[in-house]
């Protein structure tokens, strides 16, 4: 471990992004609001991913309480509907309005396959 390599915020953040094991022990990073902290090599969500998941959870809860999408967007802390629509469908698996309708009217397509093992 060489702490000199991680003396700036930029170098520490780069180590977190790259999950650099050489930075373990030189510093930790944390989410201030939750008190959760990790080593730089930790495979946890990044703070940005964590925040997006938290906001999606708040949005999901608001929609389940029958809040309209605009109010739920505000409740979740999104600055604008466009920010919400670029972040949330990946977390919900559908648009917020479809989630509010509990997926009514959506068509789900799927397939299954049998995997045969190759002969040894």
C-alpha atoms as a PDB file:
ATOM      1  CA  UNK A   1       0.000   0.000   0.000  1.00  0.00           C
ATOM      2  CA  UNK A   2       1.383   3.361  -1.034  1.00  0.00           C
ATOM      3  CA  UNK A   3      -0.671   6.187   0.442  1.00  0.00           C
ATOM      4  CA  UNK A   4       1.259   8.800  -1.546  1.00  0.00           C
ATOM      5  CA  UNK A   5      -0.570   7.617  -4.677  1.00  0.00           C
ATOM      6  CA  UNK A   6      -3.906   8.535  -3.058  1.00  0.00           C
ATOM      7  CA  UNK A   7      -3.169  11.982  -1.642  1.00  0.00           C
ATOM      8  CA  UNK A   8      -5.739  13.904  -3.697  1.00  0.00           C
ATOM      9  CA  UNK A   9      -9.523  13.608  -3.924  1.00  0.00           C
ATOM     10  CA  UNK A  10      -9.182  12.920  -7.649  1.00  0.00           C
ATOM     11  CA  UNK A  11      -6.758  10.028  -7.178  1.00  0.00           C
ATOM     12  CA  UNK A  12      -8.888   8.539  -4.409  1.00  0.00           C
ATOM     13  CA  UNK A  13     -12.076   8.796  -6.490  1.00  0.00           C
ATOM     14  CA  UNK A  14     -10.294   7.197  -9.458  1.00  0.00           C
ATOM     15  CA  UNK A  15      -9.267   4.308  -7.175  1.00  0.00           C
ATOM     16  CA  UNK A  16     -12.914   3.853  -6.126  1.00  0.00           C
ATOM     17  CA  UNK A  17     -14.138   3.898  -9.736  1.00  0.00           C
ATOM     18  CA  UNK A  18     -11.467   1.349 -10.738  1.00  0.00           C
ATOM     19  CA  UNK A  19     -11.950  -0.691  -7.526  1.00  0.00           C
ATOM     20  CA  UNK A  20      -8.201  -0.538  -7.015  1.00  0.00           C
ATOM     21  CA  UNK A  21      -7.091  -3.115  -4.417  1.00  0.00           C
ATOM     22  CA  UNK A  22      -3.809  -1.243  -3.927  1.00  0.00           C
ATOM     23  CA  UNK A  23      -5.805   1.590  -2.346  1.00  0.00           C
ATOM     24  CA  UNK A  24      -7.334  -0.675   0.319  1.00  0.00           C
ATOM     25  CA  UNK A  25      -6.111   0.492   3.705  1.00  0.00           C
ATOM     26  CA  UNK A  26      -5.023   3.875   2.365  1.00  0.00           C
ATOM     27  CA  UNK A  27      -8.543   5.311   2.750  1.00  0.00           C
ATOM     28  CA  UNK A  28     -12.225   4.428   2.910  1.00  0.00           C
ATOM     29  CA  UNK A  29     -15.200   6.046   1.229  1.00  0.00           C
ATOM     30  CA  UNK A  30     -18.643   6.505   2.715  1.00  0.00           C
ATOM     31  CA  UNK A  31     -22.198   7.637   2.149  1.00  0.00           C
ATOM     32  CA  UNK A  32     -22.693  10.377   4.705  1.00  0.00           C
ATOM     33  CA  UNK A  33     -26.473   9.958   5.041  1.00  0.00           C
ATOM     34  CA  UNK A  34     -26.334   6.218   5.787  1.00  0.00           C
ATOM     35  CA  UNK A  35     -22.985   5.836   7.528  1.00  0.00           C
ATOM     36  CA  UNK A  36     -22.076   2.949   5.209  1.00  0.00           C
ATOM     37  CA  UNK A  37     -18.388   2.875   4.324  1.00  0.00           C
ATOM     38  CA  UNK A  38     -16.272   0.641   2.072  1.00  0.00           C
ATOM     39  CA  UNK A  39     -12.758  -0.080   0.921  1.00  0.00           C
ATOM     40  CA  UNK A  40     -11.897   1.304  -2.532  1.00  0.00           C
ATOM     41  CA  UNK A  41     -11.999  -2.218  -4.030  1.00  0.00           C
ATOM     42  CA  UNK A  42     -15.461  -2.962  -2.632  1.00  0.00           C
ATOM     43  CA  UNK A  43     -17.893  -4.125  -5.305  1.00  0.00           C
ATOM     44  CA  UNK A  44     -20.724  -2.156  -3.733  1.00  0.00           C
ATOM     45  CA  UNK A  45     -22.735   0.335  -5.691  1.00  0.00           C
ATOM     46  CA  UNK A  46     -21.089   3.660  -6.270  1.00  0.00           C
ATOM     47  CA  UNK A  47     -22.523   6.577  -4.306  1.00  0.00           C
ATOM     48  CA  UNK A  48     -24.255   7.711  -7.502  1.00  0.00           C
ATOM     49  CA  UNK A  49     -25.779   4.249  -8.059  1.00  0.00           C
ATOM     50  CA  UNK A  50     -26.794   4.115  -4.408  1.00  0.00           C
ATOM     51  CA  UNK A  51     -28.521   7.488  -4.663  1.00  0.00           C
ATOM     52  CA  UNK A  52     -30.347   6.430  -7.845  1.00  0.00           C
ATOM     53  CA  UNK A  53     -31.553   3.228  -6.156  1.00  0.00           C
ATOM     54  CA  UNK A  54     -32.711   5.187  -3.092  1.00  0.00           C
ATOM     55  CA  UNK A  55     -34.632   7.667  -5.225  1.00  0.00           C
ATOM     56  CA  UNK A  56     -36.211   4.846  -7.232  1.00  0.00           C
ATOM     57  CA  UNK A  57     -37.295   3.259  -3.958  1.00  0.00           C
ATOM     58  CA  UNK A  58     -38.917   6.484  -2.777  1.00  0.00           C
ATOM     59  CA  UNK A  59     -40.615   6.866  -6.169  1.00  0.00           C
ATOM     60  CA  UNK A  60     -41.810   3.239  -6.062  1.00  0.00           C
ATOM     61  CA  UNK A  61     -43.248   3.724  -2.567  1.00  0.00           C
ATOM     62  CA  UNK A  62     -45.006   6.949  -3.553  1.00  0.00           C
ATOM     63  CA  UNK A  63     -46.550   5.328  -6.636  1.00  0.00           C
ATOM     64  CA  UNK A  64     -47.743   2.386  -4.546  1.00  0.00           C
ATOM     65  CA  UNK A  65     -49.419   4.887  -2.194  1.00  0.00           C
ATOM     66  CA  UNK A  66     -51.332   6.141  -5.252  1.00  0.00           C
ATOM     67  CA  UNK A  67     -49.415   9.428  -5.626  1.00  0.00           C
ATOM     68  CA  UNK A  68     -49.444  10.784  -9.174  1.00  0.00           C
ATOM     69  CA  UNK A  69     -46.187  10.547 -11.119  1.00  0.00           C
ATOM     70  CA  UNK A  70     -45.424  14.277 -10.851  1.00  0.00           C
ATOM     71  CA  UNK A  71     -45.813  14.324  -7.060  1.00  0.00           C
ATOM     72  CA  UNK A  72     -43.900  11.048  -6.717  1.00  0.00           C
ATOM     73  CA  UNK A  73     -41.076  12.530  -8.807  1.00  0.00           C
ATOM     74  CA  UNK A  74     -40.911  15.492  -6.432  1.00  0.00           C
ATOM     75  CA  UNK A  75     -41.124  13.219  -3.354  1.00  0.00           C
ATOM     76  CA  UNK A  76     -38.130  11.245  -4.634  1.00  0.00           C
ATOM     77  CA  UNK A  77     -36.037  14.396  -4.935  1.00  0.00           C
ATOM     78  CA  UNK A  78     -35.641  14.563  -8.699  1.00  0.00           C
ATOM     79  CA  UNK A  79     -35.037  18.084  -9.965  1.00  0.00           C
ATOM     80  CA  UNK A  80     -37.056  17.527 -13.111  1.00  0.00           C
ATOM     81  CA  UNK A  81     -39.166  14.840 -14.788  1.00  0.00           C
ATOM     82  CA  UNK A  82     -36.484  14.355 -17.451  1.00  0.00           C
ATOM     83  CA  UNK A  83     -33.921  13.375 -14.772  1.00  0.00           C
ATOM     84  CA  UNK A  84     -36.390  10.911 -13.304  1.00  0.00           C
ATOM     85  CA  UNK A  85     -37.228   9.367 -16.698  1.00  0.00           C
ATOM     86  CA  UNK A  86     -33.560   8.870 -17.552  1.00  0.00           C
ATOM     87  CA  UNK A  87     -32.772   7.180 -14.225  1.00  0.00           C
ATOM     88  CA  UNK A  88     -35.799   5.253 -13.025  1.00  0.00           C
ATOM     89  CA  UNK A  89     -37.093   2.890 -15.766  1.00  0.00           C
ATOM     90  CA  UNK A  90     -33.980   0.726 -15.380  1.00  0.00           C
ATOM     91  CA  UNK A  91     -34.691   0.391 -11.641  1.00  0.00           C
ATOM     92  CA  UNK A  92     -38.451  -0.183 -12.003  1.00  0.00           C
ATOM     93  CA  UNK A  93     -38.286  -2.282 -15.163  1.00  0.00           C
ATOM     94  CA  UNK A  94     -40.944  -0.066 -16.766  1.00  0.00           C
ATOM     95  CA  UNK A  95     -42.016   3.555 -16.887  1.00  0.00           C
ATOM     96  CA  UNK A  96     -43.341   5.046 -13.648  1.00  0.00           C
ATOM     97  CA  UNK A  97     -46.874   5.388 -15.062  1.00  0.00           C
ATOM     98  CA  UNK A  98     -46.876   1.691 -16.047  1.00  0.00           C
ATOM     99  CA  UNK A  99     -45.563   0.815 -12.578  1.00  0.00           C
ATOM    100  CA  UNK A 100     -48.366   2.852 -10.989  1.00  0.00           C
ATOM    101  CA  UNK A 101     -50.868   0.809 -13.066  1.00  0.00           C
ATOM    102  CA  UNK A 102     -49.120  -2.352 -11.754  1.00  0.00           C
ATOM    103  CA  UNK A 103     -48.105  -3.248 -15.303  1.00  0.00           C
ATOM    104  CA  UNK A 104     -51.701  -3.384 -16.581  1.00  0.00           C
ATOM    105  CA  UNK A 105     -51.746  -3.423 -20.360  1.00  0.00           C
ATOM    106  CA  UNK A 106     -48.096  -4.445 -20.748  1.00  0.00           C
ATOM    107  CA  UNK A 107     -47.147  -7.480 -22.775  1.00  0.00           C
ATOM    108  CA  UNK A 108     -44.404  -9.639 -21.339  1.00  0.00           C
ATOM    109  CA  UNK A 109     -42.584 -11.906 -23.767  1.00  0.00           C
ATOM    110  CA  UNK A 110     -40.209 -14.609 -22.681  1.00  0.00           C
ATOM    111  CA  UNK A 111     -38.657 -17.821 -23.862  1.00  0.00           C
ATOM    112  CA  UNK A 112     -37.025 -20.829 -22.308  1.00  0.00           C
ATOM    113  CA  UNK A 113     -34.286 -23.052 -23.634  1.00  0.00           C
ATOM    114  CA  UNK A 114     -32.903 -26.418 -22.670  1.00  0.00           C
ATOM    115  CA  UNK A 115     -29.168 -26.342 -22.236  1.00  0.00           C
ATOM    116  CA  UNK A 116     -27.508 -29.592 -23.025  1.00  0.00           C
ATOM    117  CA  UNK A 117     -24.045 -30.199 -21.651  1.00  0.00           C
ATOM    118  CA  UNK A 118     -21.319 -30.925 -24.110  1.00  0.00           C
ATOM    119  CA  UNK A 119     -20.034 -34.521 -24.062  1.00  0.00           C
ATOM    120  CA  UNK A 120     -16.801 -34.960 -22.151  1.00  0.00           C
END
